[in-house]
Amino acid sequence: MLAVSRLNGCRYCSWGHHEWAQISGVSNEELAQLEQLDPSGFDRRKWVAISYVRALVKENFRRVQPELRRAMQHKYSPDEIRQIELIANVMDVGNRSSNTFDAMLSRFKGAPATDSRIIDEVILSGVFLAIAPVVLLYLSRASKRPVRELVSSLIDYTKNYEEKYSTARASK
């Protein structure tokens, strides 16, 4: 989920899935490797899945390189592949919705996104704003941290997202 969120540049989803991963016991080292897309930190099976979902999203779920598809079939059952594809699809839609909220914020600042329509921004921003409190409450309960602390973390993360990841991309 974090790999798809990062690929789509969704700063809100990246933060949420980073938090969720920590709650689920993913180590800071593995999170850093995932955020930097460092294959050396993963066994072959996990890395194939990460590569596969990124390829799916990049190709708008139309096609994937045959060798990558074969690698998935070798490492995962058909049911597992369907589940991975479903999660990637859901993540992609969620990321796009959250990014449309960012487009609305840009419009308010006088710099509307060139590839965005106001009707989409209004509708998807409404969905985003309806879901965000539920996600914050869930993460607060699961992490046993106050909502205020999570909101502060979210704000800090999203403010620094572009700088952090544009620097990481430039160094690759």
N, C-alpha and C. Protein backbone atom coordinates (compact mmCIF):
# COMPACT_ATOMS: atom_id res chain seq x y z
N MET A 1 0.82 -1.19 0.00
CA MET A 1 0.00 0.00 0.00
C MET A 1 0.87 1.26 0.00
N LEU A 2 1.92 1.22 0.77
CA LEU A 2 2.82 2.38 0.82
C LEU A 2 3.54 2.57 -0.51
N ALA A 3 3.90 1.48 -1.16
CA ALA A 3 4.58 1.58 -2.46
C ALA A 3 3.67 2.24 -3.50
N VAL A 4 2.39 1.92 -3.49
CA VAL A 4 1.45 2.52 -4.44
C VAL A 4 1.24 3.99 -4.09
N SER A 5 1.08 4.28 -2.80
CA SER A 5 0.88 5.67 -2.38
C SER A 5 2.07 6.54 -2.76
N ARG A 6 3.26 6.02 -2.57
CA ARG A 6 4.46 6.76 -2.95
C ARG A 6 4.53 6.95 -4.46
N LEU A 7 4.22 5.92 -5.21
CA LEU A 7 4.24 6.02 -6.67
C LEU A 7 3.28 7.11 -7.15
N ASN A 8 2.11 7.17 -6.54
CA ASN A 8 1.11 8.16 -6.92
C ASN A 8 1.36 9.53 -6.30
N GLY A 9 2.38 9.64 -5.47
CA GLY A 9 2.69 10.92 -4.85
C GLY A 9 1.61 11.39 -3.89
N CYS A 10 0.92 10.45 -3.26
CA CYS A 10 -0.15 10.81 -2.33
C CYS A 10 0.42 10.96 -0.93
N ARG A 11 0.60 12.18 -0.54
CA ARG A 11 1.25 12.44 0.76
C ARG A 11 0.38 12.03 1.94
N TYR A 12 -0.93 12.16 1.83
CA TYR A 12 -1.82 11.77 2.94
C TYR A 12 -1.83 10.25 3.11
N CYS A 13 -1.98 9.55 1.99
CA CYS A 13 -2.00 8.08 2.05
C CYS A 13 -0.64 7.53 2.45
N SER A 14 0.43 8.15 1.98
CA SER A 14 1.78 7.72 2.37
C SER A 14 1.93 7.82 3.88
N TRP A 15 1.48 8.94 4.45
CA TRP A 15 1.55 9.11 5.91
C TRP A 15 0.72 8.03 6.60
N GLY A 16 -0.53 7.85 6.16
CA GLY A 16 -1.41 6.89 6.81
C GLY A 16 -0.89 5.47 6.75
N HIS A 17 -0.35 5.08 5.61
CA HIS A 17 0.15 3.71 5.49
C HIS A 17 1.49 3.53 6.19
N HIS A 18 2.25 4.60 6.32
CA HIS A 18 3.48 4.56 7.12
C HIS A 18 3.10 4.31 8.58
N GLU A 19 2.10 5.05 9.07
CA GLU A 19 1.62 4.86 10.45
C GLU A 19 1.08 3.46 10.65
N TRP A 20 0.27 3.01 9.70
CA TRP A 20 -0.34 1.69 9.80
C TRP A 20 0.73 0.61 9.81
N ALA A 21 1.73 0.76 8.97
CA ALA A 21 2.82 -0.22 8.93
C ALA A 21 3.54 -0.28 10.28
N GLN A 22 3.79 0.87 10.88
CA GLN A 22 4.44 0.87 12.19
C GLN A 22 3.58 0.17 13.24
N ILE A 23 2.28 0.45 13.20
CA ILE A 23 1.36 -0.20 14.14
C ILE A 23 1.37 -1.72 13.93
N SER A 24 1.52 -2.14 12.68
CA SER A 24 1.52 -3.56 12.34
C SER A 24 2.85 -4.25 12.62
N GLY A 25 3.83 -3.49 13.09
CA GLY A 25 5.10 -4.09 13.47
C GLY A 25 6.18 -4.04 12.41
N VAL A 26 5.96 -3.32 11.32
CA VAL A 26 7.01 -3.18 10.31
C VAL A 26 8.11 -2.31 10.91
N SER A 27 9.34 -2.78 10.80
CA SER A 27 10.45 -2.06 11.40
C SER A 27 10.72 -0.75 10.67
N ASN A 28 11.34 0.20 11.37
CA ASN A 28 11.72 1.47 10.75
C ASN A 28 12.68 1.23 9.59
N GLU A 29 13.54 0.23 9.73
CA GLU A 29 14.50 -0.10 8.66
C GLU A 29 13.77 -0.56 7.40
N GLU A 30 12.79 -1.46 7.56
CA GLU A 30 12.05 -1.96 6.40
C GLU A 30 11.22 -0.83 5.78
N LEU A 31 10.64 0.04 6.62
CA LEU A 31 9.89 1.17 6.10
C LEU A 31 10.79 2.09 5.27
N ALA A 32 11.98 2.36 5.78
CA ALA A 32 12.93 3.20 5.05
C ALA A 32 13.30 2.56 3.72
N GLN A 33 13.51 1.26 3.73
CA GLN A 33 13.85 0.56 2.48
C GLN A 33 12.70 0.63 1.49
N LEU A 34 11.49 0.49 2.00
CA LEU A 34 10.32 0.57 1.13
C LEU A 34 10.15 1.99 0.59
N GLU A 35 10.29 2.97 1.45
CA GLU A 35 10.13 4.35 1.01
C GLU A 35 11.20 4.75 -0.01
N GLN A 36 12.36 4.17 0.09
CA GLN A 36 13.43 4.46 -0.87
C GLN A 36 13.45 3.46 -2.02
N LEU A 37 12.52 2.50 -1.98
CA LEU A 37 12.43 1.42 -2.98
C LEU A 37 13.76 0.70 -3.14
N ASP A 38 14.29 0.28 -2.01
CA ASP A 38 15.56 -0.42 -1.96
C ASP A 38 15.31 -1.93 -1.95
N PRO A 39 15.52 -2.61 -3.09
CA PRO A 39 15.22 -4.04 -3.16
C PRO A 39 16.09 -4.90 -2.25
N SER A 40 17.23 -4.40 -1.83
CA SER A 40 18.12 -5.22 -1.00
C SER A 40 17.51 -5.52 0.37
N GLY A 41 16.51 -4.77 0.77
CA GLY A 41 15.89 -4.97 2.08
C GLY A 41 14.76 -5.97 2.09
N PHE A 42 14.46 -6.58 0.95
CA PHE A 42 13.31 -7.47 0.87
C PHE A 42 13.69 -8.81 0.27
N ASP A 43 12.98 -9.83 0.72
CA ASP A 43 13.17 -11.12 0.06
C ASP A 43 12.56 -11.02 -1.34
N ARG A 44 12.91 -11.94 -2.18
CA ARG A 44 12.50 -11.90 -3.59
C ARG A 44 10.98 -11.88 -3.74
N ARG A 45 10.29 -12.63 -2.91
CA ARG A 45 8.83 -12.72 -3.00
C ARG A 45 8.19 -11.36 -2.77
N LYS A 46 8.60 -10.66 -1.70
CA LYS A 46 8.04 -9.34 -1.41
C LYS A 46 8.40 -8.34 -2.51
N TRP A 47 9.64 -8.39 -2.96
CA TRP A 47 10.07 -7.42 -3.96
C TRP A 47 9.32 -7.62 -5.28
N VAL A 48 9.02 -8.87 -5.64
CA VAL A 48 8.24 -9.13 -6.85
C VAL A 48 6.86 -8.48 -6.71
N ALA A 49 6.23 -8.63 -5.56
CA ALA A 49 4.90 -8.04 -5.34
C ALA A 49 4.95 -6.51 -5.40
N ILE A 50 5.96 -5.92 -4.77
CA ILE A 50 6.11 -4.46 -4.81
C ILE A 50 6.30 -3.99 -6.25
N SER A 51 7.15 -4.66 -6.98
CA SER A 51 7.42 -4.30 -8.38
C SER A 51 6.16 -4.48 -9.22
N TYR A 52 5.43 -5.54 -8.96
CA TYR A 52 4.22 -5.84 -9.73
C TYR A 52 3.16 -4.76 -9.53
N VAL A 53 2.87 -4.40 -8.29
CA VAL A 53 1.83 -3.38 -8.07
C VAL A 53 2.25 -2.03 -8.64
N ARG A 54 3.51 -1.71 -8.55
CA ARG A 54 3.97 -0.45 -9.13
C ARG A 54 3.81 -0.47 -10.65
N ALA A 55 4.10 -1.60 -11.27
CA ALA A 55 3.93 -1.73 -12.72
C ALA A 55 2.46 -1.64 -13.10
N LEU A 56 1.60 -2.28 -12.33
CA LEU A 56 0.16 -2.21 -12.59
C LEU A 56 -0.33 -0.77 -12.57
N VAL A 57 0.04 -0.05 -11.54
CA VAL A 57 -0.41 1.34 -11.39
C VAL A 57 0.15 2.21 -12.52
N LYS A 58 1.42 2.03 -12.83
CA LYS A 58 2.04 2.83 -13.90
C LYS A 58 1.33 2.61 -15.23
N GLU A 59 0.85 1.40 -15.47
CA GLU A 59 0.19 1.05 -16.73
C GLU A 59 -1.34 1.15 -16.64
N ASN A 60 -1.83 1.83 -15.59
CA ASN A 60 -3.28 1.97 -15.38
C ASN A 60 -4.01 0.63 -15.41
N PHE A 61 -3.36 -0.39 -14.90
CA PHE A 61 -3.93 -1.74 -14.75
C PHE A 61 -4.24 -2.40 -16.09
N ARG A 62 -3.58 -1.95 -17.14
CA ARG A 62 -3.83 -2.53 -18.48
C ARG A 62 -2.96 -3.74 -18.75
N ARG A 63 -1.68 -3.60 -18.52
CA ARG A 63 -0.76 -4.71 -18.82
C ARG A 63 0.47 -4.59 -17.94
N VAL A 64 1.12 -5.71 -17.80
CA VAL A 64 2.37 -5.78 -17.03
C VAL A 64 3.34 -6.60 -17.87
N GLN A 65 4.60 -6.29 -17.75
CA GLN A 65 5.60 -7.05 -18.51
C GLN A 65 5.40 -8.55 -18.25
N PRO A 66 5.44 -9.36 -19.31
CA PRO A 66 5.18 -10.80 -19.15
C PRO A 66 6.12 -11.47 -18.15
N GLU A 67 7.38 -11.06 -18.11
CA GLU A 67 8.31 -11.70 -17.15
C GLU A 67 7.94 -11.37 -15.71
N LEU A 68 7.44 -10.16 -15.47
CA LEU A 68 7.00 -9.79 -14.12
C LEU A 68 5.73 -10.56 -13.76
N ARG A 69 4.85 -10.71 -14.69
CA ARG A 69 3.63 -11.49 -14.45
C ARG A 69 3.98 -12.95 -14.13
N ARG A 70 4.91 -13.51 -14.88
CA ARG A 70 5.35 -14.90 -14.62
C ARG A 70 6.00 -15.01 -13.23
N ALA A 71 6.79 -14.02 -12.86
CA ALA A 71 7.42 -14.03 -11.53
C ALA A 71 6.36 -14.02 -10.44
N MET A 72 5.29 -13.23 -10.63
CA MET A 72 4.19 -13.21 -9.66
C MET A 72 3.52 -14.58 -9.59
N GLN A 73 3.28 -15.19 -10.74
CA GLN A 73 2.62 -16.49 -10.78
C GLN A 73 3.49 -17.56 -10.13
N HIS A 74 4.79 -17.38 -10.19
CA HIS A 74 5.71 -18.34 -9.57
C HIS A 74 5.73 -18.18 -8.03
N LYS A 75 5.57 -16.94 -7.56
CA LYS A 75 5.69 -16.65 -6.12
C LYS A 75 4.34 -16.63 -5.38
N TYR A 76 3.25 -16.42 -6.11
CA TYR A 76 1.93 -16.25 -5.47
C TYR A 76 0.88 -17.11 -6.16
N SER A 77 -0.13 -17.50 -5.40
CA SER A 77 -1.25 -18.26 -5.95
C SER A 77 -2.16 -17.30 -6.73
N PRO A 78 -3.02 -17.85 -7.60
CA PRO A 78 -3.96 -16.97 -8.33
C PRO A 78 -4.83 -16.13 -7.38
N ASP A 79 -5.25 -16.72 -6.26
CA ASP A 79 -6.06 -15.97 -5.29
C ASP A 79 -5.25 -14.84 -4.65
N GLU A 80 -4.01 -15.11 -4.30
CA GLU A 80 -3.15 -14.06 -3.73
C GLU A 80 -2.92 -12.94 -4.73
N ILE A 81 -2.73 -13.29 -5.99
CA ILE A 81 -2.53 -12.27 -7.03
C ILE A 81 -3.78 -11.41 -7.16
N ARG A 82 -4.95 -12.01 -7.15
CA ARG A 82 -6.21 -11.24 -7.22
C ARG A 82 -6.32 -10.29 -6.03
N GLN A 83 -5.98 -10.77 -4.85
CA GLN A 83 -6.04 -9.92 -3.66
C GLN A 83 -5.05 -8.75 -3.75
N ILE A 84 -3.85 -9.02 -4.21
CA ILE A 84 -2.84 -7.98 -4.38
C ILE A 84 -3.32 -6.95 -5.41
N GLU A 85 -3.90 -7.43 -6.51
CA GLU A 85 -4.41 -6.52 -7.54
C GLU A 85 -5.57 -5.68 -7.01
N LEU A 86 -6.44 -6.29 -6.22
CA LEU A 86 -7.57 -5.56 -5.63
C LEU A 86 -7.06 -4.45 -4.71
N ILE A 87 -6.12 -4.78 -3.85
CA ILE A 87 -5.58 -3.77 -2.94
C ILE A 87 -4.91 -2.64 -3.72
N ALA A 88 -4.17 -2.99 -4.77
CA ALA A 88 -3.52 -1.96 -5.59
C ALA A 88 -4.56 -1.06 -6.24
N ASN A 89 -5.66 -1.65 -6.72
CA ASN A 89 -6.73 -0.86 -7.32
C ASN A 89 -7.37 0.08 -6.32
N VAL A 90 -7.69 -0.44 -5.16
CA VAL A 90 -8.31 0.39 -4.11
C VAL A 90 -7.35 1.52 -3.71
N MET A 91 -6.09 1.18 -3.55
CA MET A 91 -5.09 2.20 -3.20
C MET A 91 -5.00 3.27 -4.28
N ASP A 92 -5.00 2.87 -5.52
CA ASP A 92 -4.89 3.82 -6.63
C ASP A 92 -6.06 4.80 -6.61
N VAL A 93 -7.27 4.28 -6.43
CA VAL A 93 -8.45 5.15 -6.37
C VAL A 93 -8.37 6.09 -5.16
N GLY A 94 -8.00 5.54 -4.01
CA GLY A 94 -7.87 6.37 -2.82
C GLY A 94 -6.81 7.45 -2.97
N ASN A 95 -5.68 7.08 -3.56
CA ASN A 95 -4.61 8.06 -3.79
C ASN A 95 -5.07 9.18 -4.71
N ARG A 96 -5.75 8.81 -5.77
CA ARG A 96 -6.22 9.82 -6.73
C ARG A 96 -7.24 10.75 -6.08
N SER A 97 -8.08 10.21 -5.22
CA SER A 97 -9.05 11.04 -4.50
C SER A 97 -8.34 12.03 -3.58
N SER A 98 -7.36 11.54 -2.85
CA SER A 98 -6.62 12.41 -1.95
C SER A 98 -5.83 13.46 -2.72
N ASN A 99 -5.26 13.07 -3.84
CA ASN A 99 -4.52 14.03 -4.67
C ASN A 99 -5.47 15.08 -5.26
N THR A 100 -6.72 14.71 -5.50
CA THR A 100 -7.71 15.67 -5.99
C THR A 100 -8.03 16.69 -4.90
N PHE A 101 -7.98 16.28 -3.65
CA PHE A 101 -8.12 17.23 -2.53
C PHE A 101 -6.98 18.24 -2.59
N ASP A 102 -5.77 17.77 -2.86
CA ASP A 102 -4.64 18.69 -3.01
C ASP A 102 -4.87 19.66 -4.17
N ALA A 103 -5.49 19.16 -5.25
CA ALA A 103 -5.79 20.04 -6.39
C ALA A 103 -6.76 21.14 -5.96
N MET A 104 -7.72 20.79 -5.11
CA MET A 104 -8.67 21.78 -4.60
C MET A 104 -7.94 22.82 -3.75
N LEU A 105 -7.02 22.36 -2.91
CA LEU A 105 -6.24 23.31 -2.10
C LEU A 105 -5.44 24.25 -3.00
N SER A 106 -4.87 23.71 -4.07
CA SER A 106 -4.13 24.55 -5.02
C SER A 106 -5.04 25.58 -5.67
N ARG A 107 -6.25 25.15 -6.00
CA ARG A 107 -7.22 26.08 -6.60
C ARG A 107 -7.51 27.23 -5.63
N PHE A 108 -7.68 26.91 -4.35
CA PHE A 108 -7.94 27.95 -3.35
C PHE A 108 -6.78 28.93 -3.25
N LYS A 109 -5.58 28.46 -3.52
CA LYS A 109 -4.39 29.32 -3.47
C LYS A 109 -4.17 30.09 -4.77
N GLY A 110 -5.09 29.90 -5.74
CA GLY A 110 -4.99 30.62 -7.00
C GLY A 110 -4.16 29.94 -8.06
N ALA A 111 -3.83 28.68 -7.85
CA ALA A 111 -3.02 27.94 -8.83
C ALA A 111 -3.70 26.60 -9.13
N PRO A 112 -4.82 26.63 -9.86
CA PRO A 112 -5.52 25.37 -10.13
C PRO A 112 -4.65 24.41 -10.96
N ALA A 113 -4.79 23.14 -10.66
CA ALA A 113 -4.07 22.10 -11.41
C ALA A 113 -4.62 22.07 -12.84
N THR A 114 -3.73 21.95 -13.80
CA THR A 114 -4.15 21.99 -15.20
C THR A 114 -4.97 20.78 -15.61
N ASP A 115 -4.78 19.66 -14.95
CA ASP A 115 -5.47 18.43 -15.33
C ASP A 115 -6.62 18.08 -14.39
N SER A 116 -7.19 19.09 -13.74
CA SER A 116 -8.23 18.84 -12.75
C SER A 116 -9.45 19.71 -13.02
N ARG A 117 -10.62 19.13 -12.74
CA ARG A 117 -11.87 19.87 -12.92
C ARG A 117 -12.46 20.17 -11.55
N ILE A 118 -13.06 21.33 -11.42
CA ILE A 118 -13.59 21.76 -10.13
C ILE A 118 -14.66 20.81 -9.59
N ILE A 119 -15.51 20.26 -10.46
CA ILE A 119 -16.55 19.34 -10.00
C ILE A 119 -15.93 18.09 -9.37
N ASP A 120 -14.87 17.58 -10.00
CA ASP A 120 -14.16 16.43 -9.43
C ASP A 120 -13.55 16.79 -8.08
N GLU A 121 -12.97 17.98 -8.02
CA GLU A 121 -12.33 18.43 -6.78
C GLU A 121 -13.34 18.54 -5.64
N VAL A 122 -14.52 19.10 -5.93
CA VAL A 122 -15.55 19.26 -4.90
C VAL A 122 -16.03 17.90 -4.41
N ILE A 123 -16.36 17.01 -5.33
CA ILE A 123 -16.90 15.69 -4.95
C ILE A 123 -15.85 14.87 -4.20
N LEU A 124 -14.67 14.76 -4.78
CA LEU A 124 -13.65 13.90 -4.15
C LEU A 124 -13.08 14.51 -2.88
N SER A 125 -13.05 15.83 -2.80
CA SER A 125 -12.63 16.46 -1.54
C SER A 125 -13.64 16.17 -0.44
N GLY A 126 -14.91 16.15 -0.80
CA GLY A 126 -15.94 15.79 0.18
C GLY A 126 -15.76 14.38 0.69
N VAL A 127 -15.47 13.46 -0.22
CA VAL A 127 -15.22 12.06 0.18
C VAL A 127 -13.98 12.00 1.07
N PHE A 128 -12.93 12.66 0.65
CA PHE A 128 -11.69 12.66 1.43
C PHE A 128 -11.93 13.21 2.83
N LEU A 129 -12.62 14.34 2.92
CA LEU A 129 -12.86 14.97 4.23
C LEU A 129 -13.81 14.15 5.11
N ALA A 130 -14.64 13.32 4.49
CA ALA A 130 -15.51 12.44 5.27
C ALA A 130 -14.74 11.23 5.82
N ILE A 131 -13.78 10.75 5.05
CA ILE A 131 -13.03 9.55 5.44
C ILE A 131 -11.87 9.87 6.38
N ALA A 132 -11.24 11.01 6.21
CA ALA A 132 -10.03 11.34 6.98
C ALA A 132 -10.24 11.24 8.50
N PRO A 133 -11.32 11.78 9.06
CA PRO A 133 -11.49 11.65 10.52
C PRO A 133 -11.62 10.20 10.99
N VAL A 134 -12.26 9.36 10.19
CA VAL A 134 -12.40 7.94 10.53
C VAL A 134 -11.03 7.28 10.57
N VAL A 135 -10.20 7.58 9.57
CA VAL A 135 -8.85 7.02 9.52
C VAL A 135 -8.03 7.51 10.72
N LEU A 136 -8.13 8.78 11.03
CA LEU A 136 -7.39 9.31 12.18
C LEU A 136 -7.83 8.65 13.49
N LEU A 137 -9.13 8.46 13.65
CA LEU A 137 -9.61 7.79 14.86
C LEU A 137 -9.13 6.34 14.94
N TYR A 138 -9.17 5.65 13.81
CA TYR A 138 -8.70 4.27 13.78
C TYR A 138 -7.22 4.22 14.15
N LEU A 139 -6.41 5.04 13.52
CA LEU A 139 -4.97 5.03 13.80
C LEU A 139 -4.69 5.44 15.24
N SER A 140 -5.47 6.37 15.76
CA SER A 140 -5.30 6.79 17.16
C SER A 140 -5.56 5.63 18.10
N ARG A 141 -6.63 4.94 17.86
CA ARG A 141 -6.98 3.80 18.72
C ARG A 141 -5.95 2.67 18.59
N ALA A 142 -5.58 2.35 17.35
CA ALA A 142 -4.65 1.25 17.11
C ALA A 142 -3.26 1.55 17.66
N SER A 143 -2.84 2.80 17.60
CA SER A 143 -1.50 3.16 18.06
C SER A 143 -1.47 3.60 19.52
N LYS A 144 -2.67 3.78 20.09
CA LYS A 144 -2.78 4.28 21.47
C LYS A 144 -2.12 5.65 21.61
N ARG A 145 -2.28 6.46 20.57
CA ARG A 145 -1.77 7.83 20.58
C ARG A 145 -2.94 8.79 20.44
N PRO A 146 -2.85 9.96 21.05
CA PRO A 146 -3.95 10.93 20.93
C PRO A 146 -4.14 11.40 19.48
N VAL A 147 -5.37 11.67 19.11
CA VAL A 147 -5.67 12.16 17.77
C VAL A 147 -4.87 13.42 17.48
N ARG A 148 -4.78 14.30 18.46
CA ARG A 148 -4.04 15.57 18.27
C ARG A 148 -2.59 15.30 17.86
N GLU A 149 -1.97 14.29 18.47
CA GLU A 149 -0.60 13.93 18.12
C GLU A 149 -0.52 13.42 16.68
N LEU A 150 -1.50 12.61 16.28
CA LEU A 150 -1.52 12.10 14.91
C LEU A 150 -1.76 13.22 13.90
N VAL A 151 -2.65 14.14 14.21
CA VAL A 151 -2.89 15.28 13.32
C VAL A 151 -1.62 16.09 13.15
N SER A 152 -0.92 16.31 14.24
CA SER A 152 0.36 17.04 14.17
C SER A 152 1.37 16.30 13.30
N SER A 153 1.43 14.98 13.47
CA SER A 153 2.32 14.15 12.66
C SER A 153 1.94 14.22 11.18
N LEU A 154 0.65 14.15 10.90
CA LEU A 154 0.15 14.23 9.52
C LEU A 154 0.53 15.57 8.88
N ILE A 155 0.31 16.64 9.61
CA ILE A 155 0.63 17.97 9.08
C ILE A 155 2.13 18.10 8.81
N ASP A 156 2.93 17.66 9.76
CA ASP A 156 4.39 17.73 9.58
C ASP A 156 4.84 16.89 8.39
N TYR A 157 4.33 15.68 8.30
CA TYR A 157 4.71 14.77 7.22
C TYR A 157 4.33 15.35 5.86
N THR A 158 3.08 15.84 5.75
CA THR A 158 2.62 16.32 4.45
C THR A 158 3.31 17.62 4.05
N LYS A 159 3.66 18.46 5.01
CA LYS A 159 4.37 19.70 4.69
C LYS A 159 5.76 19.40 4.13
N ASN A 160 6.40 18.35 4.64
CA ASN A 160 7.76 18.03 4.23
C ASN A 160 7.84 16.96 3.15
N TYR A 161 6.70 16.44 2.71
CA TYR A 161 6.67 15.32 1.77
C TYR A 161 7.40 15.63 0.46
N GLU A 162 7.04 16.72 -0.17
CA GLU A 162 7.65 17.05 -1.47
C GLU A 162 9.16 17.21 -1.36
N GLU A 163 9.59 17.93 -0.36
CA GLU A 163 11.03 18.15 -0.18
C GLU A 163 11.76 16.84 0.08
N LYS A 164 11.19 16.02 0.94
CA LYS A 164 11.83 14.75 1.31
C LYS A 164 11.95 13.82 0.10
N TYR A 165 10.87 13.65 -0.65
CA TYR A 165 10.88 12.66 -1.72
C TYR A 165 11.43 13.20 -3.03
N SER A 166 11.37 14.51 -3.24
CA SER A 166 12.02 15.03 -4.45
C SER A 166 13.53 14.96 -4.30
N THR A 167 14.02 15.15 -3.06
CA THR A 167 15.46 15.00 -2.78
C THR A 167 15.89 13.55 -2.96
N ALA A 168 15.07 12.61 -2.48
CA ALA A 168 15.39 11.19 -2.61
C ALA A 168 15.40 10.77 -4.07
N ARG A 169 14.45 11.27 -4.87
CA ARG A 169 14.42 10.93 -6.30
C ARG A 169 15.62 11.52 -7.01
N ALA A 170 16.01 12.72 -6.65
CA ALA A 170 17.15 13.38 -7.32
C ALA A 170 18.46 12.65 -7.05
N SER A 171 18.56 12.02 -5.87
CA SER A 171 19.82 11.33 -5.51
C SER A 171 19.93 9.95 -6.14
N LYS A 172 18.85 9.45 -6.76
CA LYS A 172 18.89 8.10 -7.38
C LYS A 172 19.48 8.15 -8.75
